[in-house]
Amino acid sequence: MLTRRRYKQTKTLDQRLAEEAIRLRDEARVLPPGRQREMLLRRARQDETAMQIDAWLRSPGLKAPI
């Protein structure tokens, strides 16, 4: 049976997503307009959306569905 590798995260999910979004936008800034640039910007937007969803899920006002 294979054992699962455990990795202790030293940064929060928000921090990791924010850093990746910044890195992706910086990479996209130096590229000419095209498919590669658009893919990097799309991934950066996805990271920002994930940060918003995570904040919403952790918010104290969130109510469970009935």
PDB file of N, CA and C in Angstrom:
ATOM      1  N   MET A   1       0.835  -1.173   0.000  1.00  0.00           N
ATOM      2  CA  MET A   1       0.000   0.000   0.000  1.00  0.00           C
ATOM      3  C   MET A   1       0.888   1.248   0.000  1.00  0.00           C
ATOM      4  N   LEU A   2       0.536   2.199  -0.835  1.00  0.00           N
ATOM      5  CA  LEU A   2       1.298   3.428  -0.905  1.00  0.00           C
ATOM      6  C   LEU A   2       0.945   4.338   0.260  1.00  0.00           C
ATOM      7  N   THR A   3       1.947   5.025   0.765  1.00  0.00           N
ATOM      8  CA  THR A   3       1.687   5.985   1.832  1.00  0.00           C
ATOM      9  C   THR A   3       1.595   7.372   1.220  1.00  0.00           C
ATOM     10  N   ARG A   4       0.749   8.162   1.771  1.00  0.00           N
ATOM     11  CA  ARG A   4       0.535   9.506   1.269  1.00  0.00           C
ATOM     12  C   ARG A   4       1.590  10.434   1.858  1.00  0.00           C
ATOM     13  N   ARG A   5       2.173  11.246   0.983  1.00  0.00           N
ATOM     14  CA  ARG A   5       3.152  12.221   1.463  1.00  0.00           C
ATOM     15  C   ARG A   5       2.421  13.389   2.088  1.00  0.00           C
ATOM     16  N   ARG A   6       2.832  13.759   3.256  1.00  0.00           N
ATOM     17  CA  ARG A   6       2.236  14.896   3.959  1.00  0.00           C
ATOM     18  C   ARG A   6       3.133  16.107   3.803  1.00  0.00           C
ATOM     19  N   TYR A   7       2.518  17.248   3.607  1.00  0.00           N
ATOM     20  CA  TYR A   7       3.265  18.490   3.477  1.00  0.00           C
ATOM     21  C   TYR A   7       2.625  19.518   4.381  1.00  0.00           C
ATOM     22  N   LYS A   8       3.397  20.038   5.307  1.00  0.00           N
ATOM     23  CA  LYS A   8       2.908  21.046   6.231  1.00  0.00           C
ATOM     24  C   LYS A   8       3.001  22.413   5.561  1.00  0.00           C
ATOM     25  N   GLN A   9       1.843  23.035   5.348  1.00  0.00           N
ATOM     26  CA  GLN A   9       1.813  24.350   4.726  1.00  0.00           C
ATOM     27  C   GLN A   9       2.256  25.406   5.741  1.00  0.00           C
ATOM     28  N   THR A  10       3.161  26.258   5.309  1.00  0.00           N
ATOM     29  CA  THR A  10       3.646  27.312   6.202  1.00  0.00           C
ATOM     30  C   THR A  10       2.903  28.629   5.986  1.00  0.00           C
ATOM     31  N   LYS A  11       2.213  28.750   4.847  1.00  0.00           N
ATOM     32  CA  LYS A  11       1.448  29.957   4.548  1.00  0.00           C
ATOM     33  C   LYS A  11      -0.021  29.579   4.420  1.00  0.00           C
ATOM     34  N   THR A  12      -0.877  30.548   4.654  1.00  0.00           N
ATOM     35  CA  THR A  12      -2.305  30.283   4.532  1.00  0.00           C
ATOM     36  C   THR A  12      -2.676  30.171   3.050  1.00  0.00           C
ATOM     37  N   LEU A  13      -3.850  29.630   2.800  1.00  0.00           N
ATOM     38  CA  LEU A  13      -4.334  29.492   1.431  1.00  0.00           C
ATOM     39  C   LEU A  13      -4.437  30.858   0.763  1.00  0.00           C
ATOM     40  N   ASP A  14      -4.940  31.853   1.487  1.00  0.00           N
ATOM     41  CA  ASP A  14      -5.055  33.206   0.934  1.00  0.00           C
ATOM     42  C   ASP A  14      -3.695  33.762   0.511  1.00  0.00           C
ATOM     43  N   GLN A  15      -2.696  33.554   1.339  1.00  0.00           N
ATOM     44  CA  GLN A  15      -1.361  34.049   1.024  1.00  0.00           C
ATOM     45  C   GLN A  15      -0.806  33.377  -0.226  1.00  0.00           C
ATOM     46  N   ARG A  16      -0.967  32.058  -0.308  1.00  0.00           N
ATOM     47  CA  ARG A  16      -0.457  31.325  -1.472  1.00  0.00           C
ATOM     48  C   ARG A  16      -1.181  31.738  -2.747  1.00  0.00           C
ATOM     49  N   LEU A  17      -2.499  31.906  -2.671  1.00  0.00           N
ATOM     50  CA  LEU A  17      -3.263  32.320  -3.849  1.00  0.00           C
ATOM     51  C   LEU A  17      -2.898  33.735  -4.282  1.00  0.00           C
ATOM     52  N   ALA A  18      -2.737  34.636  -3.318  1.00  0.00           N
ATOM     53  CA  ALA A  18      -2.379  36.017  -3.640  1.00  0.00           C
ATOM     54  C   ALA A  18      -0.998  36.085  -4.285  1.00  0.00           C
ATOM     55  N   GLU A  19      -0.043  35.346  -3.749  1.00  0.00           N
ATOM     56  CA  GLU A  19       1.305  35.346  -4.317  1.00  0.00           C
ATOM     57  C   GLU A  19       1.304  34.788  -5.738  1.00  0.00           C
ATOM     58  N   GLU A  20       0.540  33.725  -5.948  1.00  0.00           N
ATOM     59  CA  GLU A  20       0.485  33.140  -7.284  1.00  0.00           C
ATOM     60  C   GLU A  20      -0.185  34.094  -8.272  1.00  0.00           C
ATOM     61  N   ALA A  21      -1.247  34.770  -7.854  1.00  0.00           N
ATOM     62  CA  ALA A  21      -1.934  35.714  -8.734  1.00  0.00           C
ATOM     63  C   ALA A  21      -0.990  36.855  -9.123  1.00  0.00           C
ATOM     64  N   ILE A  22      -0.223  37.357  -8.177  1.00  0.00           N
ATOM     65  CA  ILE A  22       0.737  38.427  -8.467  1.00  0.00           C
ATOM     66  C   ILE A  22       1.809  37.927  -9.429  1.00  0.00           C
ATOM     67  N   ARG A  23       2.331  36.731  -9.163  1.00  0.00           N
ATOM     68  CA  ARG A  23       3.365  36.155 -10.026  1.00  0.00           C
ATOM     69  C   ARG A  23       2.852  35.967 -11.447  1.00  0.00           C
ATOM     70  N   LEU A  24       1.624  35.457 -11.583  1.00  0.00           N
ATOM     71  CA  LEU A  24       1.055  35.234 -12.911  1.00  0.00           C
ATOM     72  C   LEU A  24       0.830  36.544 -13.650  1.00  0.00           C
ATOM     73  N   ARG A  25       0.353  37.569 -12.958  1.00  0.00           N
ATOM     74  CA  ARG A  25       0.143  38.869 -13.607  1.00  0.00           C
ATOM     75  C   ARG A  25       1.478  39.493 -14.037  1.00  0.00           C
ATOM     76  N   ASP A  26       2.522  39.307 -13.220  1.00  0.00           N
ATOM     77  CA  ASP A  26       3.841  39.812 -13.596  1.00  0.00           C
ATOM     78  C   ASP A  26       4.374  39.098 -14.841  1.00  0.00           C
ATOM     79  N   GLU A  27       4.183  37.784 -14.901  1.00  0.00           N
ATOM     80  CA  GLU A  27       4.608  37.025 -16.075  1.00  0.00           C
ATOM     81  C   GLU A  27       3.840  37.468 -17.315  1.00  0.00           C
ATOM     82  N   ALA A  28       2.537  37.688 -17.166  1.00  0.00           N
ATOM     83  CA  ALA A  28       1.700  38.077 -18.295  1.00  0.00           C
ATOM     84  C   ALA A  28       2.059  39.476 -18.789  1.00  0.00           C
ATOM     85  N   ARG A  29       2.504  40.347 -17.906  1.00  0.00           N
ATOM     86  CA  ARG A  29       2.810  41.725 -18.261  1.00  0.00           C
ATOM     87  C   ARG A  29       3.935  41.808 -19.301  1.00  0.00           C
ATOM     88  N   VAL A  30       4.903  40.900 -19.238  1.00  0.00           N
ATOM     89  CA  VAL A  30       6.044  40.961 -20.152  1.00  0.00           C
ATOM     90  C   VAL A  30       5.785  40.221 -21.469  1.00  0.00           C
ATOM     91  N   LEU A  31       4.705  39.473 -21.555  1.00  0.00           N
ATOM     92  CA  LEU A  31       4.402  38.735 -22.784  1.00  0.00           C
ATOM     93  C   LEU A  31       3.623  39.602 -23.762  1.00  0.00           C
ATOM     94  N   PRO A  32       3.800  39.351 -25.052  1.00  0.00           N
ATOM     95  CA  PRO A  32       2.990  40.063 -26.036  1.00  0.00           C
ATOM     96  C   PRO A  32       1.562  39.516 -26.000  1.00  0.00           C
ATOM     97  N   PRO A  33       0.596  40.307 -26.488  1.00  0.00           N
ATOM     98  CA  PRO A  33      -0.779  39.815 -26.513  1.00  0.00           C
ATOM     99  C   PRO A  33      -0.863  38.489 -27.272  1.00  0.00           C
ATOM    100  N   GLY A  34      -1.619  37.560 -26.696  1.00  0.00           N
ATOM    101  CA  GLY A  34      -1.756  36.255 -27.335  1.00  0.00           C
ATOM    102  C   GLY A  34      -2.327  35.235 -26.377  1.00  0.00           C
ATOM    103  N   ARG A  35      -2.325  33.997 -26.822  1.00  0.00           N
ATOM    104  CA  ARG A  35      -2.932  32.909 -26.054  1.00  0.00           C
ATOM    105  C   ARG A  35      -2.243  32.682 -24.706  1.00  0.00           C
ATOM    106  N   GLN A  36      -0.914  32.669 -24.710  1.00  0.00           N
ATOM    107  CA  GLN A  36      -0.170  32.408 -23.459  1.00  0.00           C
ATOM    108  C   GLN A  36      -0.483  33.477 -22.412  1.00  0.00           C
ATOM    109  N   ARG A  37      -0.499  34.726 -22.834  1.00  0.00           N
ATOM    110  CA  ARG A  37      -0.786  35.830 -21.914  1.00  0.00           C
ATOM    111  C   ARG A  37      -2.198  35.721 -21.356  1.00  0.00           C
ATOM    112  N   GLU A  38      -3.157  35.421 -22.215  1.00  0.00           N
ATOM    113  CA  GLU A  38      -4.542  35.291 -21.780  1.00  0.00           C
ATOM    114  C   GLU A  38      -4.718  34.135 -20.794  1.00  0.00           C
ATOM    115  N   MET A  39      -3.993  33.049 -20.995  1.00  0.00           N
ATOM    116  CA  MET A  39      -4.090  31.910 -20.074  1.00  0.00           C
ATOM    117  C   MET A  39      -3.534  32.285 -18.692  1.00  0.00           C
ATOM    118  N   LEU A  40      -2.437  33.036 -18.665  1.00  0.00           N
ATOM    119  CA  LEU A  40      -1.877  33.463 -17.384  1.00  0.00           C
ATOM    120  C   LEU A  40      -2.831  34.407 -16.656  1.00  0.00           C
ATOM    121  N   LEU A  41      -3.431  35.346 -17.393  1.00  0.00           N
ATOM    122  CA  LEU A  41      -4.377  36.271 -16.773  1.00  0.00           C
ATOM    123  C   LEU A  41      -5.621  35.529 -16.278  1.00  0.00           C
ATOM    124  N   ARG A  42      -6.046  34.519 -17.019  1.00  0.00           N
ATOM    125  CA  ARG A  42      -7.208  33.721 -16.601  1.00  0.00           C
ATOM    126  C   ARG A  42      -6.916  32.991 -15.295  1.00  0.00           C
ATOM    127  N   ARG A  43      -5.718  32.399 -15.188  1.00  0.00           N
ATOM    128  CA  ARG A  43      -5.353  31.700 -13.951  1.00  0.00           C
ATOM    129  C   ARG A  43      -5.260  32.670 -12.777  1.00  0.00           C
ATOM    130  N   ALA A  44      -4.773  33.886 -13.032  1.00  0.00           N
ATOM    131  CA  ALA A  44      -4.691  34.899 -11.969  1.00  0.00           C
ATOM    132  C   ALA A  44      -6.100  35.260 -11.496  1.00  0.00           C
ATOM    133  N   ARG A  45      -7.040  35.429 -12.428  1.00  0.00           N
ATOM    134  CA  ARG A  45      -8.428  35.737 -12.045  1.00  0.00           C
ATOM    135  C   ARG A  45      -9.045  34.577 -11.269  1.00  0.00           C
ATOM    136  N   GLN A  46      -8.724  33.352 -11.660  1.00  0.00           N
ATOM    137  CA  GLN A  46      -9.239  32.185 -10.940  1.00  0.00           C
ATOM    138  C   GLN A  46      -8.721  32.169  -9.503  1.00  0.00           C
ATOM    139  N   ASP A  47      -7.459  32.511  -9.315  1.00  0.00           N
ATOM    140  CA  ASP A  47      -6.896  32.579  -7.958  1.00  0.00           C
ATOM    141  C   ASP A  47      -7.606  33.639  -7.128  1.00  0.00           C
ATOM    142  N   GLU A  48      -7.875  34.795  -7.737  1.00  0.00           N
ATOM    143  CA  GLU A  48      -8.562  35.862  -7.017  1.00  0.00           C
ATOM    144  C   GLU A  48      -9.994  35.463  -6.671  1.00  0.00           C
ATOM    145  N   THR A  49     -10.647  34.761  -7.572  1.00  0.00           N
ATOM    146  CA  THR A  49     -12.000  34.267  -7.290  1.00  0.00           C
ATOM    147  C   THR A  49     -11.971  33.238  -6.168  1.00  0.00           C
ATOM    148  N   ALA A  50     -10.972  32.382  -6.175  1.00  0.00           N
ATOM    149  CA  ALA A  50     -10.832  31.383  -5.106  1.00  0.00           C
ATOM    150  C   ALA A  50     -10.628  32.058  -3.758  1.00  0.00           C
ATOM    151  N   MET A  51      -9.882  33.165  -3.729  1.00  0.00           N
ATOM    152  CA  MET A  51      -9.693  33.902  -2.471  1.00  0.00           C
ATOM    153  C   MET A  51     -11.019  34.467  -1.978  1.00  0.00           C
ATOM    154  N   GLN A  52     -11.840  34.981  -2.886  1.00  0.00           N
ATOM    155  CA  GLN A  52     -13.132  35.534  -2.506  1.00  0.00           C
ATOM    156  C   GLN A  52     -14.065  34.442  -1.991  1.00  0.00           C
ATOM    157  N   ILE A  53     -14.069  33.298  -2.643  1.00  0.00           N
ATOM    158  CA  ILE A  53     -14.925  32.186  -2.209  1.00  0.00           C
ATOM    159  C   ILE A  53     -14.480  31.686  -0.845  1.00  0.00           C
ATOM    160  N   ASP A  54     -13.164  31.565  -0.656  1.00  0.00           N
ATOM    161  CA  ASP A  54     -12.647  31.106   0.637  1.00  0.00           C
ATOM    162  C   ASP A  54     -13.026  32.081   1.751  1.00  0.00           C
ATOM    163  N   ALA A  55     -12.924  33.379   1.483  1.00  0.00           N
ATOM    164  CA  ALA A  55     -13.303  34.382   2.490  1.00  0.00           C
ATOM    165  C   ALA A  55     -14.796  34.286   2.791  1.00  0.00           C
ATOM    166  N   TRP A  56     -15.594  34.074   1.765  1.00  0.00           N
ATOM    167  CA  TRP A  56     -17.037  33.947   1.964  1.00  0.00           C
ATOM    168  C   TRP A  56     -17.366  32.716   2.802  1.00  0.00           C
ATOM    169  N   LEU A  57     -16.693  31.603   2.522  1.00  0.00           N
ATOM    170  CA  LEU A  57     -16.954  30.379   3.279  1.00  0.00           C
ATOM    171  C   LEU A  57     -16.538  30.496   4.741  1.00  0.00           C
ATOM    172  N   ARG A  58     -15.494  31.279   5.007  1.00  0.00           N
ATOM    173  CA  ARG A  58     -15.035  31.446   6.382  1.00  0.00           C
ATOM    174  C   ARG A  58     -15.744  32.551   7.126  1.00  0.00           C
ATOM    175  N   SER A  59     -16.606  33.299   6.448  1.00  0.00           N
ATOM    176  CA  SER A  59     -17.265  34.437   7.086  1.00  0.00           C
ATOM    177  C   SER A  59     -18.228  33.949   8.183  1.00  0.00           C
ATOM    178  N   PRO A  60     -18.315  34.686   9.285  1.00  0.00           N
ATOM    179  CA  PRO A  60     -19.180  34.269  10.399  1.00  0.00           C
ATOM    180  C   PRO A  60     -20.663  34.376  10.060  1.00  0.00           C
ATOM    181  N   GLY A  61     -21.016  35.180   9.088  1.00  0.00           N
ATOM    182  CA  GLY A  61     -22.424  35.356   8.752  1.00  0.00           C
ATOM    183  C   GLY A  61     -22.968  34.282   7.840  1.00  0.00           C
ATOM    184  N   LEU A  62     -22.125  33.357   7.427  1.00  0.00           N
ATOM    185  CA  LEU A  62     -22.553  32.303   6.508  1.00  0.00           C
ATOM    186  C   LEU A  62     -23.505  31.348   7.226  1.00  0.00           C
ATOM    187  N   LYS A  63     -24.624  31.079   6.622  1.00  0.00           N
ATOM    188  CA  LYS A  63     -25.618  30.184   7.203  1.00  0.00           C
ATOM    189  C   LYS A  63     -25.674  28.892   6.383  1.00  0.00           C
ATOM    190  N   ALA A  64     -25.884  27.793   7.055  1.00  0.00           N
ATOM    191  CA  ALA A  64     -25.999  26.509   6.372  1.00  0.00           C
ATOM    192  C   ALA A  64     -27.320  26.441   5.611  1.00  0.00           C
ATOM    193  N   PRO A  65     -27.326  25.792   4.440  1.00  0.00           N
ATOM    194  CA  PRO A  65     -28.600  25.671   3.711  1.00  0.00           C
ATOM    195  C   PRO A  65     -29.581  24.784   4.473  1.00  0.00           C
ATOM    196  N   ILE A  66     -30.861  25.094   4.341  1.00  0.00           N
ATOM    197  CA  ILE A  66     -31.883  24.336   5.065  1.00  0.00           C
ATOM    198  C   ILE A  66     -32.415  23.234   4.209  1.00  0.00           C
TER     199      ILE A  66
END
